[in-house]
Amino acid sequence: DDDTHNWLLSNHGAQITIDLDQCQVKHQDEVLTTFSVDAFARHCLMQGVDELGYLLSQSDAIAEFEANR
């Protein structure tokens, strides 16, 4: 939002925390703003994988599906 954007510009160098679990931007435990993130993108970011990494993590389920198809 505009207020958070302006705060960040006027507080150059401030250390902030991006909390993906709570979808919040924080400065010294004060919530500056909240945001929304696509659920799949959030999952991948929190697990440290990309789309291919996610698919590879599902290889057992994929193999089972293919065997039963």
N, C-alpha and C. Protein backbone atom coordinates (compact mmCIF):
# COMPACT_ATOMS: atom_id res chain seq x y z
N ASP A 1 0.84 -1.19 0.00
CA ASP A 1 0.00 0.00 0.00
C ASP A 1 0.88 1.25 0.00
N ASP A 2 0.30 2.38 -0.28
CA ASP A 2 1.06 3.62 -0.40
C ASP A 2 1.76 4.02 0.90
N ASP A 3 1.07 3.86 2.04
CA ASP A 3 1.68 4.25 3.33
C ASP A 3 2.94 3.43 3.61
N THR A 4 2.88 2.14 3.40
CA THR A 4 4.05 1.29 3.64
C THR A 4 5.16 1.62 2.65
N HIS A 5 4.79 1.82 1.41
CA HIS A 5 5.77 2.18 0.39
C HIS A 5 6.50 3.46 0.78
N ASN A 6 5.76 4.47 1.18
CA ASN A 6 6.37 5.74 1.59
C ASN A 6 7.22 5.57 2.85
N TRP A 7 6.77 4.74 3.80
CA TRP A 7 7.55 4.49 5.01
C TRP A 7 8.89 3.85 4.65
N LEU A 8 8.85 2.86 3.77
CA LEU A 8 10.09 2.18 3.36
C LEU A 8 11.04 3.15 2.66
N LEU A 9 10.50 4.03 1.82
CA LEU A 9 11.35 5.00 1.12
C LEU A 9 11.96 6.01 2.09
N SER A 10 11.21 6.40 3.10
CA SER A 10 11.72 7.42 4.03
C SER A 10 12.58 6.81 5.15
N ASN A 11 12.61 5.49 5.25
CA ASN A 11 13.42 4.82 6.27
C ASN A 11 14.43 3.90 5.61
N HIS A 12 15.13 4.48 4.64
CA HIS A 12 16.14 3.73 3.88
C HIS A 12 17.12 3.06 4.84
N GLY A 13 17.35 1.78 4.64
CA GLY A 13 18.29 1.04 5.48
C GLY A 13 17.66 0.38 6.69
N ALA A 14 16.39 0.64 6.94
CA ALA A 14 15.72 0.00 8.07
C ALA A 14 15.65 -1.50 7.83
N GLN A 15 15.86 -2.25 8.88
CA GLN A 15 15.77 -3.71 8.76
C GLN A 15 14.31 -4.12 8.96
N ILE A 16 13.80 -4.83 7.97
CA ILE A 16 12.42 -5.31 8.04
C ILE A 16 12.43 -6.83 7.96
N THR A 17 11.34 -7.41 8.38
CA THR A 17 11.16 -8.85 8.30
C THR A 17 9.93 -9.13 7.44
N ILE A 18 10.10 -10.03 6.48
CA ILE A 18 8.98 -10.50 5.68
C ILE A 18 8.56 -11.82 6.28
N ASP A 19 7.40 -11.87 6.89
CA ASP A 19 6.89 -13.07 7.55
C ASP A 19 5.90 -13.75 6.60
N LEU A 20 6.39 -14.78 5.89
CA LEU A 20 5.53 -15.49 4.95
C LEU A 20 4.48 -16.32 5.66
N ASP A 21 4.79 -16.79 6.86
CA ASP A 21 3.83 -17.60 7.61
C ASP A 21 2.59 -16.77 7.94
N GLN A 22 2.80 -15.53 8.40
CA GLN A 22 1.69 -14.65 8.76
C GLN A 22 1.32 -13.66 7.66
N CYS A 23 2.09 -13.66 6.57
CA CYS A 23 1.88 -12.71 5.46
C CYS A 23 1.90 -11.27 5.96
N GLN A 24 3.01 -10.93 6.64
CA GLN A 24 3.16 -9.60 7.21
C GLN A 24 4.56 -9.06 6.92
N VAL A 25 4.63 -7.73 6.82
CA VAL A 25 5.91 -7.03 6.78
C VAL A 25 6.05 -6.35 8.13
N LYS A 26 7.18 -6.62 8.81
CA LYS A 26 7.36 -6.12 10.17
C LYS A 26 8.65 -5.31 10.29
N HIS A 27 8.62 -4.37 11.20
CA HIS A 27 9.82 -3.62 11.60
C HIS A 27 9.84 -3.64 13.11
N GLN A 28 10.87 -4.27 13.68
CA GLN A 28 11.00 -4.40 15.14
C GLN A 28 9.69 -4.90 15.77
N ASP A 29 9.16 -5.99 15.25
CA ASP A 29 7.93 -6.64 15.73
C ASP A 29 6.66 -5.80 15.55
N GLU A 30 6.77 -4.63 14.94
CA GLU A 30 5.58 -3.85 14.62
C GLU A 30 5.16 -4.20 13.20
N VAL A 31 3.90 -4.56 13.02
CA VAL A 31 3.40 -4.91 11.70
C VAL A 31 3.19 -3.64 10.89
N LEU A 32 3.90 -3.55 9.77
CA LEU A 32 3.74 -2.40 8.89
C LEU A 32 2.58 -2.60 7.94
N THR A 33 2.44 -3.82 7.43
CA THR A 33 1.36 -4.13 6.51
C THR A 33 1.20 -5.64 6.40
N THR A 34 0.09 -6.05 5.87
CA THR A 34 -0.13 -7.45 5.54
C THR A 34 -0.25 -7.57 4.03
N PHE A 35 -0.09 -8.77 3.53
CA PHE A 35 -0.16 -8.97 2.08
C PHE A 35 -0.70 -10.36 1.81
N SER A 36 -1.08 -10.58 0.57
CA SER A 36 -1.56 -11.91 0.18
C SER A 36 -0.57 -12.51 -0.81
N VAL A 37 -0.47 -13.82 -0.76
CA VAL A 37 0.43 -14.56 -1.65
C VAL A 37 -0.33 -15.80 -2.12
N ASP A 38 -0.20 -16.11 -3.39
CA ASP A 38 -0.77 -17.34 -3.92
C ASP A 38 -0.34 -18.51 -3.05
N ALA A 39 -1.26 -19.40 -2.70
CA ALA A 39 -0.98 -20.49 -1.77
C ALA A 39 0.14 -21.40 -2.26
N PHE A 40 0.16 -21.72 -3.55
CA PHE A 40 1.21 -22.60 -4.07
C PHE A 40 2.57 -21.89 -4.05
N ALA A 41 2.60 -20.64 -4.43
CA ALA A 41 3.85 -19.87 -4.40
C ALA A 41 4.37 -19.75 -2.97
N ARG A 42 3.47 -19.52 -2.02
CA ARG A 42 3.85 -19.44 -0.61
C ARG A 42 4.43 -20.76 -0.13
N HIS A 43 3.77 -21.87 -0.48
CA HIS A 43 4.27 -23.20 -0.10
C HIS A 43 5.68 -23.42 -0.65
N CYS A 44 5.87 -23.12 -1.92
CA CYS A 44 7.18 -23.32 -2.54
C CYS A 44 8.25 -22.45 -1.87
N LEU A 45 7.93 -21.20 -1.60
CA LEU A 45 8.89 -20.31 -0.94
C LEU A 45 9.25 -20.82 0.45
N MET A 46 8.25 -21.27 1.19
CA MET A 46 8.51 -21.73 2.56
C MET A 46 9.26 -23.07 2.59
N GLN A 47 9.08 -23.87 1.54
CA GLN A 47 9.78 -25.16 1.47
C GLN A 47 11.11 -25.05 0.75
N GLY A 48 11.37 -23.91 0.13
CA GLY A 48 12.63 -23.70 -0.57
C GLY A 48 12.73 -24.50 -1.86
N VAL A 49 11.60 -24.67 -2.53
CA VAL A 49 11.59 -25.40 -3.79
C VAL A 49 10.92 -24.56 -4.88
N ASP A 50 11.25 -24.90 -6.12
CA ASP A 50 10.53 -24.29 -7.24
C ASP A 50 9.49 -25.30 -7.72
N GLU A 51 8.85 -25.00 -8.85
CA GLU A 51 7.80 -25.87 -9.35
C GLU A 51 8.32 -27.28 -9.63
N LEU A 52 9.50 -27.38 -10.23
CA LEU A 52 10.07 -28.69 -10.53
C LEU A 52 10.41 -29.43 -9.24
N GLY A 53 10.96 -28.74 -8.28
CA GLY A 53 11.26 -29.36 -6.99
C GLY A 53 10.01 -29.90 -6.32
N TYR A 54 8.91 -29.16 -6.45
CA TYR A 54 7.64 -29.62 -5.89
C TYR A 54 7.19 -30.90 -6.59
N LEU A 55 7.25 -30.90 -7.92
CA LEU A 55 6.85 -32.09 -8.67
C LEU A 55 7.72 -33.29 -8.30
N LEU A 56 9.02 -33.06 -8.18
CA LEU A 56 9.91 -34.16 -7.80
C LEU A 56 9.60 -34.69 -6.41
N SER A 57 9.15 -33.83 -5.52
CA SER A 57 8.80 -34.28 -4.17
C SER A 57 7.53 -35.14 -4.16
N GLN A 58 6.79 -35.08 -5.25
CA GLN A 58 5.56 -35.85 -5.37
C GLN A 58 5.75 -37.12 -6.21
N SER A 59 6.99 -37.51 -6.46
CA SER A 59 7.27 -38.62 -7.38
C SER A 59 6.64 -39.93 -6.93
N ASP A 60 6.59 -40.21 -5.63
CA ASP A 60 5.96 -41.44 -5.16
C ASP A 60 4.46 -41.45 -5.47
N ALA A 61 3.80 -40.34 -5.22
CA ALA A 61 2.37 -40.24 -5.49
C ALA A 61 2.10 -40.31 -6.98
N ILE A 62 2.96 -39.72 -7.78
CA ILE A 62 2.81 -39.77 -9.24
C ILE A 62 2.98 -41.21 -9.74
N ALA A 63 3.99 -41.90 -9.23
CA ALA A 63 4.23 -43.28 -9.63
C ALA A 63 3.06 -44.18 -9.24
N GLU A 64 2.51 -43.96 -8.04
CA GLU A 64 1.35 -44.74 -7.60
C GLU A 64 0.14 -44.48 -8.50
N PHE A 65 -0.09 -43.22 -8.82
CA PHE A 65 -1.20 -42.87 -9.72
C PHE A 65 -1.04 -43.56 -11.07
N GLU A 66 0.16 -43.47 -11.63
CA GLU A 66 0.41 -44.08 -12.94
C GLU A 66 0.27 -45.59 -12.89
N ALA A 67 0.67 -46.22 -11.81
CA ALA A 67 0.54 -47.68 -11.68
C ALA A 67 -0.92 -48.11 -11.60
N ASN A 68 -1.76 -47.28 -11.04
CA ASN A 68 -3.17 -47.61 -10.87
C ASN A 68 -4.05 -47.13 -12.02
N ARG A 69 -3.48 -46.45 -12.95
CA ARG A 69 -4.25 -45.87 -14.04
C ARG A 69 -4.64 -46.87 -15.06
